Structure formats: C-alpha cells, structure tokens
C-alpha cells in the first residue's frame, strides 16, 4: 500500500470516528492551489480575475473540517488526530 493510500485510509477512519462521535458538521477537500482563481477588487470597483492562488506561499489549505464540540480542548484533541491522519500541520480555529 502506498503512503498516499495509507494516509487516505487514516483520514477515512478519522472521518468515520468523527461521525460516530456526532461532532462532524461538514468536511471538504480542496483542489490544488494551481486550480484556484483569484478575484481581486480594483480601486475603480471592477474585479480582476487571475489564475492561481491569491497568496503566493509554499503552504496551502488542502481541506477542512467543521466540528461541533464542547470546548477548545476537545477541538484541539480532534486537531491532533487530524494532524496524525493527514501527516501535516493542522490549524484549529473557532467560528464567530
């Protein structure tokens, strides 16, 4: 089994765990940054469309989860599991 296949299996298992725990509201994977279109408001009010991501950086968001949890500690516990499953850094951030 390839490294990518193992990672996908681990992410699928994490998704199933989130569903079973009743915390998962939404999950979404994103296409690579090269598939992005950036829409930039111009001073005259028009909008310029360009190919590629708005921010030119080596890091990018590959996907996200929306969870409904009791507190930040629980959110961070899920974030630790996500970092392990995704083999990547994870940011935990509350909604307004």
PDB file of N, CA and C in Angstrom:
ATOM      1  N   UNK A   1       0.855  -1.176   0.000  1.00  0.00           N
ATOM      2  CA  UNK A   1       0.000   0.000   0.000  1.00  0.00           C
ATOM      3  C   UNK A   1       0.904   1.243   0.000  1.00  0.00           C
ATOM      4  N   UNK A   2       0.582   2.211  -0.869  1.00  0.00           N
ATOM      5  CA  UNK A   2       1.397   3.420  -0.966  1.00  0.00           C
ATOM      6  C   UNK A   2       1.175   4.324   0.249  1.00  0.00           C
ATOM      7  N   UNK A   3       2.088   5.256   0.440  1.00  0.00           N
ATOM      8  CA  UNK A   3       1.964   6.215   1.539  1.00  0.00           C
ATOM      9  C   UNK A   3       0.669   7.016   1.400  1.00  0.00           C
ATOM     10  N   UNK A   4       0.338   7.441   0.181  1.00  0.00           N
ATOM     11  CA  UNK A   4      -0.913   8.184  -0.047  1.00  0.00           C
ATOM     12  C   UNK A   4      -2.132   7.337   0.281  1.00  0.00           C
ATOM     13  N   UNK A   5      -2.092   6.070  -0.073  1.00  0.00           N
ATOM     14  CA  UNK A   5      -3.222   5.186   0.212  1.00  0.00           C
ATOM     15  C   UNK A   5      -3.399   4.991   1.714  1.00  0.00           C
ATOM     16  N   UNK A   6      -2.292   4.867   2.429  1.00  0.00           N
ATOM     17  CA  UNK A   6      -2.358   4.724   3.891  1.00  0.00           C
ATOM     18  C   UNK A   6      -2.923   6.004   4.509  1.00  0.00           C
ATOM     19  N   UNK A   7      -2.476   7.162   4.011  1.00  0.00           N
ATOM     20  CA  UNK A   7      -2.980   8.426   4.530  1.00  0.00           C
ATOM     21  C   UNK A   7      -4.480   8.559   4.262  1.00  0.00           C
ATOM     22  N   UNK A   8      -4.920   8.225   3.062  1.00  0.00           N
ATOM     23  CA  UNK A   8      -6.358   8.291   2.743  1.00  0.00           C
ATOM     24  C   UNK A   8      -7.158   7.354   3.645  1.00  0.00           C
ATOM     25  N   UNK A   9      -6.620   6.177   3.907  1.00  0.00           N
ATOM     26  CA  UNK A   9      -7.285   5.234   4.800  1.00  0.00           C
ATOM     27  C   UNK A   9      -7.407   5.821   6.200  1.00  0.00           C
ATOM     28  N   UNK A  10      -6.332   6.455   6.690  1.00  0.00           N
ATOM     29  CA  UNK A  10      -6.351   7.053   8.018  1.00  0.00           C
ATOM     30  C   UNK A  10      -7.327   8.227   8.099  1.00  0.00           C
ATOM     31  N   UNK A  11      -7.405   9.022   7.046  1.00  0.00           N
ATOM     32  CA  UNK A  11      -8.355  10.142   7.018  1.00  0.00           C
ATOM     33  C   UNK A  11      -9.785   9.607   6.976  1.00  0.00           C
ATOM     34  N   UNK A  12     -10.025   8.565   6.188  1.00  0.00           N
ATOM     35  CA  UNK A  12     -11.361   7.957   6.158  1.00  0.00           C
ATOM     36  C   UNK A  12     -11.745   7.431   7.544  1.00  0.00           C
ATOM     37  N   UNK A  13     -10.797   6.815   8.241  1.00  0.00           N
ATOM     38  CA  UNK A  13     -11.062   6.300   9.587  1.00  0.00           C
ATOM     39  C   UNK A  13     -11.363   7.445  10.550  1.00  0.00           C
ATOM     40  N   UNK A  14     -10.623   8.550  10.429  1.00  0.00           N
ATOM     41  CA  UNK A  14     -10.880   9.719  11.277  1.00  0.00           C
ATOM     42  C   UNK A  14     -12.268  10.285  10.992  1.00  0.00           C
ATOM     43  N   UNK A  15     -12.635  10.383   9.725  1.00  0.00           N
ATOM     44  CA  UNK A  15     -13.976  10.871   9.372  1.00  0.00           C
ATOM     45  C   UNK A  15     -15.053   9.978   9.985  1.00  0.00           C
ATOM     46  N   UNK A  16     -14.861   8.677   9.911  1.00  0.00           N
ATOM     47  CA  UNK A  16     -15.832   7.748  10.500  1.00  0.00           C
ATOM     48  C   UNK A  16     -15.903   7.929  12.014  1.00  0.00           C
ATOM     49  N   UNK A  17     -14.761   8.156  12.652  1.00  0.00           N
ATOM     50  CA  UNK A  17     -14.732   8.386  14.102  1.00  0.00           C
ATOM     51  C   UNK A  17     -15.467   9.675  14.463  1.00  0.00           C
ATOM     52  N   UNK A  18     -15.276  10.721  13.672  1.00  0.00           N
ATOM     53  CA  UNK A  18     -15.966  11.989  13.918  1.00  0.00           C
ATOM     54  C   UNK A  18     -17.473  11.830  13.780  1.00  0.00           C
ATOM     55  N   UNK A  19     -17.909  11.100  12.749  1.00  0.00           N
ATOM     56  CA  UNK A  19     -19.343  10.859  12.543  1.00  0.00           C
ATOM     57  C   UNK A  19     -19.897  10.062  13.727  1.00  0.00           C
ATOM     58  N   UNK A  20     -19.193   9.009  14.124  1.00  0.00           N
ATOM     59  CA  UNK A  20     -19.647   8.169  15.239  1.00  0.00           C
ATOM     60  C   UNK A  20     -19.740   8.967  16.537  1.00  0.00           C
ATOM     61  N   UNK A  21     -18.833   9.931  16.723  1.00  0.00           N
ATOM     62  CA  UNK A  21     -18.847  10.766  17.924  1.00  0.00           C
ATOM     63  C   UNK A  21     -19.897  11.877  17.844  1.00  0.00           C
ATOM     64  N   UNK A  22     -20.476  12.076  16.652  1.00  0.00           N
ATOM     65  CA  UNK A  22     -21.505  13.096  16.483  1.00  0.00           C
ATOM     66  C   UNK A  22     -20.983  14.517  16.450  1.00  0.00           C
ATOM     67  N   UNK A  23     -19.694  14.697  16.099  1.00  0.00           N
ATOM     68  CA  UNK A  23     -19.118  16.043  16.101  1.00  0.00           C
ATOM     69  C   UNK A  23     -18.944  16.637  14.700  1.00  0.00           C
ATOM     70  N   UNK A  24     -18.966  15.804  13.675  1.00  0.00           N
ATOM     71  CA  UNK A  24     -18.681  16.303  12.330  1.00  0.00           C
ATOM     72  C   UNK A  24     -19.908  16.965  11.732  1.00  0.00           C
ATOM     73  N   UNK A  25     -19.758  18.245  11.371  1.00  0.00           N
ATOM     74  CA  UNK A  25     -20.813  19.011  10.722  1.00  0.00           C
ATOM     75  C   UNK A  25     -20.591  19.009   9.208  1.00  0.00           C
ATOM     76  N   UNK A  26     -19.344  19.211   8.796  1.00  0.00           N
ATOM     77  CA  UNK A  26     -19.010  19.303   7.374  1.00  0.00           C
ATOM     78  C   UNK A  26     -17.535  18.989   7.204  1.00  0.00           C
ATOM     79  N   UNK A  27     -17.203  18.385   6.072  1.00  0.00           N
ATOM     80  CA  UNK A  27     -15.810  18.147   5.708  1.00  0.00           C
ATOM     81  C   UNK A  27     -15.666  18.410   4.221  1.00  0.00           C
ATOM     82  N   UNK A  28     -14.549  18.977   3.826  1.00  0.00           N
ATOM     83  CA  UNK A  28     -14.336  19.243   2.410  1.00  0.00           C
ATOM     84  C   UNK A  28     -12.864  19.248   2.059  1.00  0.00           C
ATOM     85  N   UNK A  29     -12.536  18.592   0.977  1.00  0.00           N
ATOM     86  CA  UNK A  29     -11.185  18.643   0.431  1.00  0.00           C
ATOM     87  C   UNK A  29     -11.136  19.695  -0.656  1.00  0.00           C
ATOM     88  N   UNK A  30      -9.989  20.302  -0.815  1.00  0.00           N
ATOM     89  CA  UNK A  30      -9.832  21.349  -1.824  1.00  0.00           C
ATOM     90  C   UNK A  30      -8.893  20.889  -2.933  1.00  0.00           C
ATOM     91  N   UNK A  31      -9.150  21.343  -4.136  1.00  0.00           N
ATOM     92  CA  UNK A  31      -8.264  21.070  -5.258  1.00  0.00           C
ATOM     93  C   UNK A  31      -6.930  21.794  -5.024  1.00  0.00           C
ATOM     94  N   UNK A  32      -5.867  21.419  -5.735  1.00  0.00           N
ATOM     95  CA  UNK A  32      -4.564  22.068  -5.549  1.00  0.00           C
ATOM     96  C   UNK A  32      -4.632  23.573  -5.842  1.00  0.00           C
ATOM     97  N   UNK A  33      -3.739  24.354  -5.237  1.00  0.00           N
ATOM     98  CA  UNK A  33      -3.743  25.813  -5.433  1.00  0.00           C
ATOM     99  C   UNK A  33      -3.677  26.239  -6.895  1.00  0.00           C
ATOM    100  N   UNK A  34      -3.033  25.458  -7.732  1.00  0.00           N
ATOM    101  CA  UNK A  34      -2.935  25.797  -9.146  1.00  0.00           C
ATOM    102  C   UNK A  34      -4.279  25.827  -9.851  1.00  0.00           C
ATOM    103  N   UNK A  35      -5.301  25.236  -9.264  1.00  0.00           N
ATOM    104  CA  UNK A  35      -6.642  25.225  -9.845  1.00  0.00           C
ATOM    105  C   UNK A  35      -7.458  26.435  -9.400  1.00  0.00           C
ATOM    106  N   UNK A  36      -6.884  27.266  -8.533  1.00  0.00           N
ATOM    107  CA  UNK A  36      -7.609  28.414  -7.982  1.00  0.00           C
ATOM    108  C   UNK A  36      -7.742  29.541  -9.003  1.00  0.00           C
ATOM    109  N   UNK A  37      -8.751  30.346  -8.798  1.00  0.00           N
ATOM    110  CA  UNK A  37      -8.934  31.620  -9.493  1.00  0.00           C
ATOM    111  C   UNK A  37      -9.016  32.675  -8.398  1.00  0.00           C
ATOM    112  N   UNK A  38      -8.256  33.733  -8.522  1.00  0.00           N
ATOM    113  CA  UNK A  38      -8.298  34.820  -7.554  1.00  0.00           C
ATOM    114  C   UNK A  38      -9.053  35.995  -8.159  1.00  0.00           C
ATOM    115  N   UNK A  39      -9.963  36.550  -7.373  1.00  0.00           N
ATOM    116  CA  UNK A  39     -10.754  37.696  -7.818  1.00  0.00           C
ATOM    117  C   UNK A  39     -10.340  38.895  -6.978  1.00  0.00           C
ATOM    118  N   UNK A  40      -9.728  39.856  -7.612  1.00  0.00           N
ATOM    119  CA  UNK A  40      -9.137  40.993  -6.930  1.00  0.00           C
ATOM    120  C   UNK A  40      -9.898  42.264  -7.230  1.00  0.00           C
ATOM    121  N   UNK A  41     -10.462  42.881  -6.198  1.00  0.00           N
ATOM    122  CA  UNK A  41     -11.188  44.141  -6.384  1.00  0.00           C
ATOM    123  C   UNK A  41     -10.188  45.241  -6.709  1.00  0.00           C
ATOM    124  N   UNK A  42     -10.486  45.994  -7.736  1.00  0.00           N
ATOM    125  CA  UNK A  42      -9.632  47.090  -8.184  1.00  0.00           C
ATOM    126  C   UNK A  42     -10.139  48.418  -7.603  1.00  0.00           C
ATOM    127  N   UNK A  43      -9.270  49.437  -7.559  1.00  0.00           N
ATOM    128  CA  UNK A  43      -9.671  50.737  -6.999  1.00  0.00           C
ATOM    129  C   UNK A  43     -10.898  51.343  -7.683  1.00  0.00           C
ATOM    130  N   UNK A  44     -11.096  51.032  -8.959  1.00  0.00           N
ATOM    131  CA  UNK A  44     -12.253  51.589  -9.669  1.00  0.00           C
ATOM    132  C   UNK A  44     -13.533  50.777  -9.435  1.00  0.00           C
ATOM    133  N   UNK A  45     -13.455  49.714  -8.614  1.00  0.00           N
ATOM    134  CA  UNK A  45     -14.618  48.898  -8.303  1.00  0.00           C
ATOM    135  C   UNK A  45     -14.759  47.669  -9.181  1.00  0.00           C
ATOM    136  N   UNK A  46     -13.977  47.592 -10.243  1.00  0.00           N
ATOM    137  CA  UNK A  46     -14.038  46.399 -11.092  1.00  0.00           C
ATOM    138  C   UNK A  46     -13.319  45.246 -10.380  1.00  0.00           C
ATOM    139  N   UNK A  47     -13.494  44.064 -10.920  1.00  0.00           N
ATOM    140  CA  UNK A  47     -12.864  42.881 -10.331  1.00  0.00           C
ATOM    141  C   UNK A  47     -12.000  42.209 -11.393  1.00  0.00           C
ATOM    142  N   UNK A  48     -10.732  42.029 -11.073  1.00  0.00           N
ATOM    143  CA  UNK A  48      -9.776  41.377 -11.957  1.00  0.00           C
ATOM    144  C   UNK A  48      -9.686  39.916 -11.552  1.00  0.00           C
ATOM    145  N   UNK A  49      -9.803  39.010 -12.519  1.00  0.00           N
ATOM    146  CA  UNK A  49      -9.672  37.581 -12.263  1.00  0.00           C
ATOM    147  C   UNK A  49      -8.326  37.109 -12.760  1.00  0.00           C
ATOM    148  N   UNK A  50      -7.587  36.415 -11.884  1.00  0.00           N
ATOM    149  CA  UNK A  50      -6.280  35.872 -12.261  1.00  0.00           C
ATOM    150  C   UNK A  50      -6.250  34.383 -11.950  1.00  0.00           C
ATOM    151  N   UNK A  51      -5.382  33.658 -12.642  1.00  0.00           N
ATOM    152  CA  UNK A  51      -5.188  32.240 -12.384  1.00  0.00           C
ATOM    153  C   UNK A  51      -4.278  32.063 -11.177  1.00  0.00           C
ATOM    154  N   UNK A  52      -4.585  31.052 -10.375  1.00  0.00           N
ATOM    155  CA  UNK A  52      -3.729  30.717  -9.243  1.00  0.00           C
ATOM    156  C   UNK A  52      -4.230  31.306  -7.943  1.00  0.00           C
ATOM    157  N   UNK A  53      -3.547  30.931  -6.878  1.00  0.00           N
ATOM    158  CA  UNK A  53      -3.981  31.373  -5.541  1.00  0.00           C
ATOM    159  C   UNK A  53      -3.732  32.855  -5.312  1.00  0.00           C
ATOM    160  N   UNK A  54      -4.504  33.417  -4.402  1.00  0.00           N
ATOM    161  CA  UNK A  54      -4.353  34.827  -4.037  1.00  0.00           C
ATOM    162  C   UNK A  54      -3.009  35.051  -3.341  1.00  0.00           C
ATOM    163  N   UNK A  55      -2.683  34.183  -2.399  1.00  0.00           N
ATOM    164  CA  UNK A  55      -1.417  34.293  -1.681  1.00  0.00           C
ATOM    165  C   UNK A  55      -0.373  33.406  -2.325  1.00  0.00           C
ATOM    166  N   UNK A  56       0.790  33.931  -2.557  1.00  0.00           N
ATOM    167  CA  UNK A  56       1.890  33.162  -3.132  1.00  0.00           C
ATOM    168  C   UNK A  56       2.735  32.627  -1.979  1.00  0.00           C
ATOM    169  N   UNK A  57       2.472  31.391  -1.598  1.00  0.00           N
ATOM    170  CA  UNK A  57       3.163  30.790  -0.469  1.00  0.00           C
ATOM    171  C   UNK A  57       3.376  29.309  -0.740  1.00  0.00           C
ATOM    172  N   UNK A  58       4.322  28.703  -0.070  1.00  0.00           N
ATOM    173  CA  UNK A  58       4.571  27.279  -0.223  1.00  0.00           C
ATOM    174  C   UNK A  58       3.576  26.427   0.542  1.00  0.00           C
ATOM    175  N   UNK A  59       2.840  27.039   1.466  1.00  0.00           N
ATOM    176  CA  UNK A  59       1.850  26.314   2.253  1.00  0.00           C
ATOM    177  C   UNK A  59       0.453  26.648   1.748  1.00  0.00           C
ATOM    178  N   UNK A  60      -0.448  25.698   1.885  1.00  0.00           N
ATOM    179  CA  UNK A  60      -1.813  25.938   1.455  1.00  0.00           C
ATOM    180  C   UNK A  60      -2.765  25.035   2.223  1.00  0.00           C
ATOM    181  N   UNK A  61      -4.018  25.422   2.239  1.00  0.00           N
ATOM    182  CA  UNK A  61      -5.069  24.632   2.874  1.00  0.00           C
ATOM    183  C   UNK A  61      -5.498  23.566   1.878  1.00  0.00           C
ATOM    184  N   UNK A  62      -5.448  22.308   2.316  1.00  0.00           N
ATOM    185  CA  UNK A  62      -5.785  21.191   1.443  1.00  0.00           C
ATOM    186  C   UNK A  62      -7.217  20.706   1.672  1.00  0.00           C
ATOM    187  N   UNK A  63      -7.779  21.075   2.802  1.00  0.00           N
ATOM    188  CA  UNK A  63      -9.134  20.687   3.141  1.00  0.00           C
ATOM    189  C   UNK A  63      -9.452  21.168   4.540  1.00  0.00           C
ATOM    190  N   UNK A  64     -10.681  20.909   4.980  1.00  0.00           N
ATOM    191  CA  UNK A  64     -11.047  21.376   6.316  1.00  0.00           C
ATOM    192  C   UNK A  64     -12.219  20.580   6.859  1.00  0.00           C
ATOM    193  N   UNK A  65     -12.340  20.617   8.165  1.00  0.00           N
ATOM    194  CA  UNK A  65     -13.472  20.039   8.866  1.00  0.00           C
ATOM    195  C   UNK A  65     -14.169  21.144   9.635  1.00  0.00           C
ATOM    196  N   UNK A  66     -15.465  21.059   9.732  1.00  0.00           N
ATOM    197  CA  UNK A  66     -16.250  21.887  10.641  1.00  0.00           C
ATOM    198  C   UNK A  66     -16.813  20.914  11.674  1.00  0.00           C
ATOM    199  N   UNK A  67     -16.426  21.129  12.928  1.00  0.00           N
ATOM    200  CA  UNK A  67     -16.857  20.256  14.014  1.00  0.00           C
ATOM    201  C   UNK A  67     -17.657  21.046  15.031  1.00  0.00           C
ATOM    202  N   UNK A  68     -18.596  20.397  15.658  1.00  0.00           N
ATOM    203  CA  UNK A  68     -19.332  20.995  16.772  1.00  0.00           C
ATOM    204  C   UNK A  68     -18.890  20.264  18.031  1.00  0.00           C
ATOM    205  N   UNK A  69     -18.090  20.960  18.840  1.00  0.00           N
ATOM    206  CA  UNK A  69     -17.518  20.355  20.042  1.00  0.00           C
ATOM    207  C   UNK A  69     -17.822  21.228  21.253  1.00  0.00           C
ATOM    208  N   UNK A  70     -17.579  20.673  22.443  1.00  0.00           N
ATOM    209  CA  UNK A  70     -17.925  21.361  23.688  1.00  0.00           C
ATOM    210  C   UNK A  70     -16.991  22.515  24.005  1.00  0.00           C
ATOM    211  N   UNK A  71     -15.710  22.390  23.628  1.00  0.00           N
ATOM    212  CA  UNK A  71     -14.743  23.413  24.030  1.00  0.00           C
ATOM    213  C   UNK A  71     -13.478  23.320  23.175  1.00  0.00           C
ATOM    214  N   UNK A  72     -12.578  24.249  23.411  1.00  0.00           N
ATOM    215  CA  UNK A  72     -11.332  24.309  22.639  1.00  0.00           C
ATOM    216  C   UNK A  72     -10.457  23.084  22.865  1.00  0.00           C
ATOM    217  N   UNK A  73     -10.443  22.555  24.090  1.00  0.00           N
ATOM    218  CA  UNK A  73      -9.639  21.357  24.358  1.00  0.00           C
ATOM    219  C   UNK A  73     -10.090  20.184  23.491  1.00  0.00           C
ATOM    220  N   UNK A  74     -11.400  20.007  23.370  1.00  0.00           N
ATOM    221  CA  UNK A  74     -11.914  18.933  22.525  1.00  0.00           C
ATOM    222  C   UNK A  74     -11.555  19.183  21.062  1.00  0.00           C
ATOM    223  N   UNK A  75     -11.657  20.433  20.630  1.00  0.00           N
ATOM    224  CA  UNK A  75     -11.289  20.779  19.249  1.00  0.00           C
ATOM    225  C   UNK A  75      -9.820  20.460  18.993  1.00  0.00           C
ATOM    226  N   UNK A  76      -8.968  20.795  19.933  1.00  0.00           N
ATOM    227  CA  UNK A  76      -7.538  20.527  19.778  1.00  0.00           C
ATOM    228  C   UNK A  76      -7.249  19.032  19.786  1.00  0.00           C
ATOM    229  N   UNK A  77      -8.004  18.256  20.552  1.00  0.00           N
ATOM    230  CA  UNK A  77      -7.821  16.802  20.548  1.00  0.00           C
ATOM    231  C   UNK A  77      -8.127  16.241  19.152  1.00  0.00           C
ATOM    232  N   UNK A  78      -9.222  16.721  18.537  1.00  0.00           N
ATOM    233  CA  UNK A  78      -9.535  16.302  17.171  1.00  0.00           C
ATOM    234  C   UNK A  78      -8.464  16.799  16.208  1.00  0.00           C
ATOM    235  N   UNK A  79      -7.961  18.008  16.431  1.00  0.00           N
ATOM    236  CA  UNK A  79      -6.899  18.550  15.586  1.00  0.00           C
ATOM    237  C   UNK A  79      -5.639  17.699  15.629  1.00  0.00           C
ATOM    238  N   UNK A  80      -5.293  17.198  16.812  1.00  0.00           N
ATOM    239  CA  UNK A  80      -4.126  16.309  16.926  1.00  0.00           C
ATOM    240  C   UNK A  80      -4.340  15.038  16.100  1.00  0.00           C
ATOM    241  N   UNK A  81      -5.548  14.483  16.165  1.00  0.00           N
ATOM    242  CA  UNK A  81      -5.854  13.289  15.373  1.00  0.00           C
ATOM    243  C   UNK A  81      -5.771  13.605  13.878  1.00  0.00           C
ATOM    244  N   UNK A  82      -6.252  14.779  13.497  1.00  0.00           N
ATOM    245  CA  UNK A  82      -6.203  15.177  12.086  1.00  0.00           C
ATOM    246  C   UNK A  82      -4.769  15.345  11.613  1.00  0.00           C
ATOM    247  N   UNK A  83      -3.917  15.950  12.438  1.00  0.00           N
ATOM    248  CA  UNK A  83      -2.511  16.129  12.067  1.00  0.00           C
ATOM    249  C   UNK A  83      -1.840  14.775  11.848  1.00  0.00           C
ATOM    250  N   UNK A  84      -2.170  13.806  12.697  1.00  0.00           N
ATOM    251  CA  UNK A  84      -1.611  12.465  12.534  1.00  0.00           C
ATOM    252  C   UNK A  84      -2.122  11.824  11.247  1.00  0.00           C
ATOM    253  N   UNK A  85      -3.434  11.867  11.022  1.00  0.00           N
ATOM    254  CA  UNK A  85      -4.028  11.225   9.850  1.00  0.00           C
ATOM    255  C   UNK A  85      -3.545  11.865   8.547  1.00  0.00           C
ATOM    256  N   UNK A  86      -3.432  13.195   8.545  1.00  0.00           N
ATOM    257  CA  UNK A  86      -3.074  13.930   7.325  1.00  0.00           C
ATOM    258  C   UNK A  86      -1.576  14.047   7.101  1.00  0.00           C
ATOM    259  N   UNK A  87      -0.799  13.698   8.142  1.00  0.00           N
ATOM    260  CA  UNK A  87       0.669  13.861   8.059  1.00  0.00           C
ATOM    261  C   UNK A  87       1.033  15.293   7.705  1.00  0.00           C
ATOM    262  N   UNK A  88       0.328  16.227   8.355  1.00  0.00           N
ATOM    263  CA  UNK A  88       0.518  17.645   8.049  1.00  0.00           C
ATOM    264  C   UNK A  88       0.146  18.487   9.262  1.00  0.00           C
ATOM    265  N   UNK A  89       0.524  19.726   9.225  1.00  0.00           N
ATOM    266  CA  UNK A  89       0.132  20.664  10.269  1.00  0.00           C
ATOM    267  C   UNK A  89      -1.359  20.946  10.154  1.00  0.00           C
ATOM    268  N   UNK A  90      -1.983  21.183  11.295  1.00  0.00           N
ATOM    269  CA  UNK A  90      -3.413  21.459  11.344  1.00  0.00           C
ATOM    270  C   UNK A  90      -3.629  22.723  12.172  1.00  0.00           C
ATOM    271  N   UNK A  91      -4.511  23.567  11.720  1.00  0.00           N
ATOM    272  CA  UNK A  91      -4.887  24.782  12.449  1.00  0.00           C
ATOM    273  C   UNK A  91      -6.285  24.579  13.005  1.00  0.00           C
ATOM    274  N   UNK A  92      -6.459  24.861  14.291  1.00  0.00           N
ATOM    275  CA  UNK A  92      -7.766  24.788  14.940  1.00  0.00           C
ATOM    276  C   UNK A  92      -8.216  26.211  15.186  1.00  0.00           C
ATOM    277  N   UNK A  93      -9.407  26.532  14.693  1.00  0.00           N
ATOM    278  CA  UNK A  93      -9.888  27.906  14.803  1.00  0.00           C
ATOM    279  C   UNK A  93     -11.399  27.895  15.032  1.00  0.00           C
ATOM    280  N   UNK A  94     -11.883  28.690  16.001  1.00  0.00           N
ATOM    281  CA  UNK A  94     -13.329  28.729  16.230  1.00  0.00           C
ATOM    282  C   UNK A  94     -14.049  29.601  15.189  1.00  0.00           C
ATOM    283  N   UNK A  95     -15.342  29.301  14.997  1.00  0.00           N
ATOM    284  CA  UNK A  95     -16.200  30.159  14.193  1.00  0.00           C
ATOM    285  C   UNK A  95     -16.654  31.338  15.044  1.00  0.00           C
ATOM    286  N   UNK A  96     -17.066  32.407  14.382  1.00  0.00           N
ATOM    287  CA  UNK A  96     -17.655  33.539  15.110  1.00  0.00           C
ATOM    288  C   UNK A  96     -18.946  33.099  15.722  1.00  0.00           C
TER     289      UNK A  96
END
